[in-house]
Amino acid sequence: MGKVKTHKASAKRFSVTGTGKVKLNHCHHRHNLGKKTSKRKRHLRTAAILSAAMTANIRTLVQK
């Protein structure tokens, strides 16, 4: 039986918590920050939990 390799691009973007949830960082926080409001940038700094519908797909890619 073959093994499923870790998808490295997904492994760099997502991490699995101890309870099995998938954690991710927000996008749009790299450049052109002068035109974005402070509230928007503040909310983009915090991590988010992936939806339950996508969690199973990403966990197979990340292998954890």
PDB file of N, CA and C in Angstrom:
ATOM      1  N   MET A   1       0.846  -1.187   0.000  1.00  0.00           N
ATOM      2  CA  MET A   1       0.000   0.000   0.000  1.00  0.00           C
ATOM      3  C   MET A   1       0.882   1.238   0.000  1.00  0.00           C
ATOM      4  N   GLY A   2       0.621   2.143  -0.900  1.00  0.00           N
ATOM      5  CA  GLY A   2       1.411   3.355  -0.974  1.00  0.00           C
ATOM      6  C   GLY A   2       1.042   4.334   0.131  1.00  0.00           C
ATOM      7  N   LYS A   3       1.923   5.275   0.330  1.00  0.00           N
ATOM      8  CA  LYS A   3       1.701   6.294   1.337  1.00  0.00           C
ATOM      9  C   LYS A   3       1.413   7.626   0.656  1.00  0.00           C
ATOM     10  N   VAL A   4       0.685   8.489   1.352  1.00  0.00           N
ATOM     11  CA  VAL A   4       0.367   9.814   0.838  1.00  0.00           C
ATOM     12  C   VAL A   4       1.434  10.770   1.342  1.00  0.00           C
ATOM     13  N   LYS A   5       2.074  11.468   0.419  1.00  0.00           N
ATOM     14  CA  LYS A   5       3.115  12.414   0.802  1.00  0.00           C
ATOM     15  C   LYS A   5       2.489  13.703   1.323  1.00  0.00           C
ATOM     16  N   THR A   6       3.248  14.398   2.153  1.00  0.00           N
ATOM     17  CA  THR A   6       2.816  15.687   2.660  1.00  0.00           C
ATOM     18  C   THR A   6       2.890  16.717   1.550  1.00  0.00           C
ATOM     19  N   HIS A   7       1.833  17.478   1.373  1.00  0.00           N
ATOM     20  CA  HIS A   7       1.811  18.562   0.403  1.00  0.00           C
ATOM     21  C   HIS A   7       2.492  19.760   1.057  1.00  0.00           C
ATOM     22  N   LYS A   8       3.710  20.053   0.615  1.00  0.00           N
ATOM     23  CA  LYS A   8       4.552  21.029   1.308  1.00  0.00           C
ATOM     24  C   LYS A   8       3.980  22.442   1.258  1.00  0.00           C
ATOM     25  N   ALA A   9       3.320  22.813   0.171  1.00  0.00           N
ATOM     26  CA  ALA A   9       2.727  24.147   0.103  1.00  0.00           C
ATOM     27  C   ALA A   9       1.624  24.300   1.145  1.00  0.00           C
ATOM     28  N   SER A  10       0.852  23.239   1.358  1.00  0.00           N
ATOM     29  CA  SER A  10      -0.207  23.295   2.367  1.00  0.00           C
ATOM     30  C   SER A  10       0.380  23.248   3.773  1.00  0.00           C
ATOM     31  N   ALA A  11       1.458  22.498   3.954  1.00  0.00           N
ATOM     32  CA  ALA A  11       2.068  22.381   5.273  1.00  0.00           C
ATOM     33  C   ALA A  11       2.643  23.714   5.739  1.00  0.00           C
ATOM     34  N   LYS A  12       3.062  24.555   4.792  1.00  0.00           N
ATOM     35  CA  LYS A  12       3.584  25.862   5.168  1.00  0.00           C
ATOM     36  C   LYS A  12       2.482  26.839   5.523  1.00  0.00           C
ATOM     37  N   ARG A  13       1.273  26.604   5.049  1.00  0.00           N
ATOM     38  CA  ARG A  13       0.178  27.543   5.254  1.00  0.00           C
ATOM     39  C   ARG A  13      -0.774  27.142   6.368  1.00  0.00           C
ATOM     40  N   PHE A  14      -0.870  25.865   6.657  1.00  0.00           N
ATOM     41  CA  PHE A  14      -1.819  25.374   7.647  1.00  0.00           C
ATOM     42  C   PHE A  14      -1.081  24.614   8.734  1.00  0.00           C
ATOM     43  N   SER A  15      -1.650  24.613   9.942  1.00  0.00           N
ATOM     44  CA  SER A  15      -1.132  23.793  11.024  1.00  0.00           C
ATOM     45  C   SER A  15      -2.318  23.189  11.756  1.00  0.00           C
ATOM     46  N   VAL A  16      -2.115  21.991  12.293  1.00  0.00           N
ATOM     47  CA  VAL A  16      -3.176  21.265  12.973  1.00  0.00           C
ATOM     48  C   VAL A  16      -2.991  21.440  14.476  1.00  0.00           C
ATOM     49  N   THR A  17      -4.069  21.809  15.156  1.00  0.00           N
ATOM     50  CA  THR A  17      -4.012  21.998  16.602  1.00  0.00           C
ATOM     51  C   THR A  17      -4.082  20.653  17.306  1.00  0.00           C
ATOM     52  N   GLY A  18      -3.959  20.668  18.607  1.00  0.00           N
ATOM     53  CA  GLY A  18      -4.003  19.435  19.376  1.00  0.00           C
ATOM     54  C   GLY A  18      -5.349  18.746  19.327  1.00  0.00           C
ATOM     55  N   THR A  19      -6.412  19.514  19.160  1.00  0.00           N
ATOM     56  CA  THR A  19      -7.751  18.922  19.095  1.00  0.00           C
ATOM     57  C   THR A  19      -8.139  18.516  17.688  1.00  0.00           C
ATOM     58  N   GLY A  20      -7.254  18.749  16.700  1.00  0.00           N
ATOM     59  CA  GLY A  20      -7.532  18.330  15.340  1.00  0.00           C
ATOM     60  C   GLY A  20      -8.076  19.408  14.430  1.00  0.00           C
ATOM     61  N   LYS A  21      -8.239  20.621  14.936  1.00  0.00           N
ATOM     62  CA  LYS A  21      -8.699  21.712  14.092  1.00  0.00           C
ATOM     63  C   LYS A  21      -7.537  22.217  13.245  1.00  0.00           C
ATOM     64  N   VAL A  22      -7.853  22.852  12.140  1.00  0.00           N
ATOM     65  CA  VAL A  22      -6.835  23.367  11.234  1.00  0.00           C
ATOM     66  C   VAL A  22      -6.769  24.884  11.386  1.00  0.00           C
ATOM     67  N   LYS A  23      -5.572  25.369  11.669  1.00  0.00           N
ATOM     68  CA  LYS A  23      -5.349  26.789  11.912  1.00  0.00           C
ATOM     69  C   LYS A  23      -4.640  27.394  10.710  1.00  0.00           C
ATOM     70  N   LEU A  24      -5.007  28.639  10.361  1.00  0.00           N
ATOM     71  CA  LEU A  24      -4.394  29.308   9.229  1.00  0.00           C
ATOM     72  C   LEU A  24      -4.235  30.784   9.531  1.00  0.00           C
ATOM     73  N   ASN A  25      -3.318  31.409   8.812  1.00  0.00           N
ATOM     74  CA  ASN A  25      -3.137  32.847   8.896  1.00  0.00           C
ATOM     75  C   ASN A  25      -3.863  33.507   7.738  1.00  0.00           C
ATOM     76  N   HIS A  26      -4.305  34.732   7.954  1.00  0.00           N
ATOM     77  CA  HIS A  26      -5.029  35.456   6.928  1.00  0.00           C
ATOM     78  C   HIS A  26      -4.088  35.945   5.833  1.00  0.00           C
ATOM     79  N   CYS A  27      -4.642  36.139   4.650  1.00  0.00           N
ATOM     80  CA  CYS A  27      -3.892  36.716   3.541  1.00  0.00           C
ATOM     81  C   CYS A  27      -4.169  38.217   3.500  1.00  0.00           C
ATOM     82  N   HIS A  28      -3.610  38.893   2.507  1.00  0.00           N
ATOM     83  CA  HIS A  28      -3.768  40.336   2.285  1.00  0.00           C
ATOM     84  C   HIS A  28      -3.118  41.173   3.385  1.00  0.00           C
ATOM     85  N   HIS A  29      -2.049  40.677   3.985  1.00  0.00           N
ATOM     86  CA  HIS A  29      -1.370  41.440   5.026  1.00  0.00           C
ATOM     87  C   HIS A  29       0.113  41.554   4.702  1.00  0.00           C
ATOM     88  N   ARG A  30       0.450  41.595   3.414  1.00  0.00           N
ATOM     89  CA  ARG A  30       1.852  41.602   2.999  1.00  0.00           C
ATOM     90  C   ARG A  30       2.286  42.966   2.472  1.00  0.00           C
ATOM     91  N   HIS A  31       1.488  43.569   1.610  1.00  0.00           N
ATOM     92  CA  HIS A  31       1.867  44.848   1.024  1.00  0.00           C
ATOM     93  C   HIS A  31       0.602  45.663   0.781  1.00  0.00           C
ATOM     94  N   ASN A  32       0.795  46.897   0.329  1.00  0.00           N
ATOM     95  CA  ASN A  32      -0.301  47.863   0.160  1.00  0.00           C
ATOM     96  C   ASN A  32      -1.072  48.057   1.465  1.00  0.00           C
ATOM     97  N   LEU A  33      -0.342  48.161   2.560  1.00  0.00           N
ATOM     98  CA  LEU A  33      -0.991  48.278   3.863  1.00  0.00           C
ATOM     99  C   LEU A  33      -1.425  49.708   4.175  1.00  0.00           C
ATOM    100  N   GLY A  34      -0.937  50.663   3.406  1.00  0.00           N
ATOM    101  CA  GLY A  34      -1.299  52.051   3.671  1.00  0.00           C
ATOM    102  C   GLY A  34      -2.743  52.359   3.364  1.00  0.00           C
ATOM    103  N   LYS A  35      -3.337  51.645   2.437  1.00  0.00           N
ATOM    104  CA  LYS A  35      -4.724  51.905   2.065  1.00  0.00           C
ATOM    105  C   LYS A  35      -5.723  51.100   2.877  1.00  0.00           C
ATOM    106  N   LYS A  36      -5.233  50.202   3.710  1.00  0.00           N
ATOM    107  CA  LYS A  36      -6.133  49.389   4.531  1.00  0.00           C
ATOM    108  C   LYS A  36      -6.283  50.032   5.901  1.00  0.00           C
ATOM    109  N   THR A  37      -7.460  49.894   6.478  1.00  0.00           N
ATOM    110  CA  THR A  37      -7.727  50.522   7.766  1.00  0.00           C
ATOM    111  C   THR A  37      -7.022  49.757   8.879  1.00  0.00           C
ATOM    112  N   SER A  38      -6.844  50.425  10.004  1.00  0.00           N
ATOM    113  CA  SER A  38      -6.188  49.801  11.152  1.00  0.00           C
ATOM    114  C   SER A  38      -6.987  48.618  11.663  1.00  0.00           C
ATOM    115  N   LYS A  39      -8.303  48.730  11.635  1.00  0.00           N
ATOM    116  CA  LYS A  39      -9.157  47.635  12.096  1.00  0.00           C
ATOM    117  C   LYS A  39      -8.983  46.414  11.202  1.00  0.00           C
ATOM    118  N   ARG A  40      -8.923  46.644   9.906  1.00  0.00           N
ATOM    119  CA  ARG A  40      -8.769  45.526   8.967  1.00  0.00           C
ATOM    120  C   ARG A  40      -7.420  44.841   9.161  1.00  0.00           C
ATOM    121  N   LYS A  41      -6.360  45.624   9.328  1.00  0.00           N
ATOM    122  CA  LYS A  41      -5.033  45.049   9.523  1.00  0.00           C
ATOM    123  C   LYS A  41      -4.931  44.320  10.856  1.00  0.00           C
ATOM    124  N   ARG A  42      -5.597  44.837  11.868  1.00  0.00           N
ATOM    125  CA  ARG A  42      -5.582  44.198  13.183  1.00  0.00           C
ATOM    126  C   ARG A  42      -6.265  42.837  13.138  1.00  0.00           C
ATOM    127  N   HIS A  43      -7.353  42.746  12.425  1.00  0.00           N
ATOM    128  CA  HIS A  43      -8.053  41.468  12.315  1.00  0.00           C
ATOM    129  C   HIS A  43      -7.298  40.475  11.428  1.00  0.00           C
ATOM    130  N   LEU A  44      -6.543  40.974  10.468  1.00  0.00           N
ATOM    131  CA  LEU A  44      -5.767  40.080   9.619  1.00  0.00           C
ATOM    132  C   LEU A  44      -4.568  39.486  10.351  1.00  0.00           C
ATOM    133  N   ARG A  45      -4.121  40.134  11.439  1.00  0.00           N
ATOM    134  CA  ARG A  45      -2.989  39.611  12.201  1.00  0.00           C
ATOM    135  C   ARG A  45      -3.325  38.322  12.938  1.00  0.00           C
ATOM    136  N   THR A  46      -4.560  38.169  13.344  1.00  0.00           N
ATOM    137  CA  THR A  46      -4.935  37.022  14.152  1.00  0.00           C
ATOM    138  C   THR A  46      -5.134  35.791  13.274  1.00  0.00           C
ATOM    139  N   ALA A  47      -4.896  34.637  13.846  1.00  0.00           N
ATOM    140  CA  ALA A  47      -5.090  33.384  13.121  1.00  0.00           C
ATOM    141  C   ALA A  47      -6.571  33.029  13.096  1.00  0.00           C
ATOM    142  N   ALA A  48      -6.937  32.133  12.207  1.00  0.00           N
ATOM    143  CA  ALA A  48      -8.324  31.710  12.065  1.00  0.00           C
ATOM    144  C   ALA A  48      -8.387  30.189  12.046  1.00  0.00           C
ATOM    145  N   ILE A  49      -9.556  29.661  12.324  1.00  0.00           N
ATOM    146  CA  ILE A  49      -9.808  28.227  12.270  1.00  0.00           C
ATOM    147  C   ILE A  49     -10.535  27.926  10.969  1.00  0.00           C
ATOM    148  N   LEU A  50     -10.064  26.921  10.265  1.00  0.00           N
ATOM    149  CA  LEU A  50     -10.658  26.537   8.996  1.00  0.00           C
ATOM    150  C   LEU A  50     -12.042  25.933   9.228  1.00  0.00           C
ATOM    151  N   SER A  51     -12.914  26.088   8.255  1.00  0.00           N
ATOM    152  CA  SER A  51     -14.265  25.569   8.389  1.00  0.00           C
ATOM    153  C   SER A  51     -14.244  24.039   8.469  1.00  0.00           C
ATOM    154  N   ALA A  52     -15.265  23.494   9.052  1.00  0.00           N
ATOM    155  CA  ALA A  52     -15.331  22.043   9.242  1.00  0.00           C
ATOM    156  C   ALA A  52     -15.422  21.299   7.920  1.00  0.00           C
ATOM    157  N   ALA A  53     -15.999  21.935   6.898  1.00  0.00           N
ATOM    158  CA  ALA A  53     -16.139  21.280   5.606  1.00  0.00           C
ATOM    159  C   ALA A  53     -14.788  21.073   4.928  1.00  0.00           C
ATOM    160  N   MET A  54     -13.846  21.982   5.129  1.00  0.00           N
ATOM    161  CA  MET A  54     -12.535  21.893   4.482  1.00  0.00           C
ATOM    162  C   MET A  54     -11.486  21.214   5.351  1.00  0.00           C
ATOM    163  N   THR A  55     -11.790  20.979   6.615  1.00  0.00           N
ATOM    164  CA  THR A  55     -10.783  20.459   7.537  1.00  0.00           C
ATOM    165  C   THR A  55     -10.282  19.083   7.126  1.00  0.00           C
ATOM    166  N   ALA A  56     -11.161  18.200   6.700  1.00  0.00           N
ATOM    167  CA  ALA A  56     -10.747  16.842   6.336  1.00  0.00           C
ATOM    168  C   ALA A  56      -9.821  16.859   5.132  1.00  0.00           C
ATOM    169  N   ASN A  57     -10.075  17.734   4.162  1.00  0.00           N
ATOM    170  CA  ASN A  57      -9.221  17.803   2.978  1.00  0.00           C
ATOM    171  C   ASN A  57      -7.816  18.272   3.330  1.00  0.00           C
ATOM    172  N   ILE A  58      -7.716  19.293   4.147  1.00  0.00           N
ATOM    173  CA  ILE A  58      -6.408  19.850   4.478  1.00  0.00           C
ATOM    174  C   ILE A  58      -5.636  18.907   5.392  1.00  0.00           C
ATOM    175  N   ARG A  59      -6.331  18.213   6.284  1.00  0.00           N
ATOM    176  CA  ARG A  59      -5.620  17.296   7.182  1.00  0.00           C
ATOM    177  C   ARG A  59      -4.983  16.148   6.437  1.00  0.00           C
ATOM    178  N   THR A  60      -5.589  15.710   5.334  1.00  0.00           N
ATOM    179  CA  THR A  60      -4.945  14.659   4.549  1.00  0.00           C
ATOM    180  C   THR A  60      -3.712  15.196   3.826  1.00  0.00           C
ATOM    181  N   LEU A  61      -3.724  16.468   3.445  1.00  0.00           N
ATOM    182  CA  LEU A  61      -2.566  17.053   2.790  1.00  0.00           C
ATOM    183  C   LEU A  61      -1.429  17.302   3.759  1.00  0.00           C
ATOM    184  N   VAL A  62      -1.777  17.725   4.970  1.00  0.00           N
ATOM    185  CA  VAL A  62      -0.752  18.087   5.941  1.00  0.00           C
ATOM    186  C   VAL A  62      -0.244  16.855   6.682  1.00  0.00           C
ATOM    187  N   GLN A  63      -1.025  15.789   6.751  1.00  0.00           N
ATOM    188  CA  GLN A  63      -0.609  14.512   7.363  1.00  0.00           C
ATOM    189  C   GLN A  63      -0.395  14.596   8.854  1.00  0.00           C
ATOM    190  N   LYS A  64      -1.328  15.233   9.582  1.00  0.00           N
ATOM    191  CA  LYS A  64      -1.220  15.253  11.039  1.00  0.00           C
ATOM    192  C   LYS A  64      -2.575  15.052  11.654  1.00  0.00           C
TER     193      LYS A  64
END
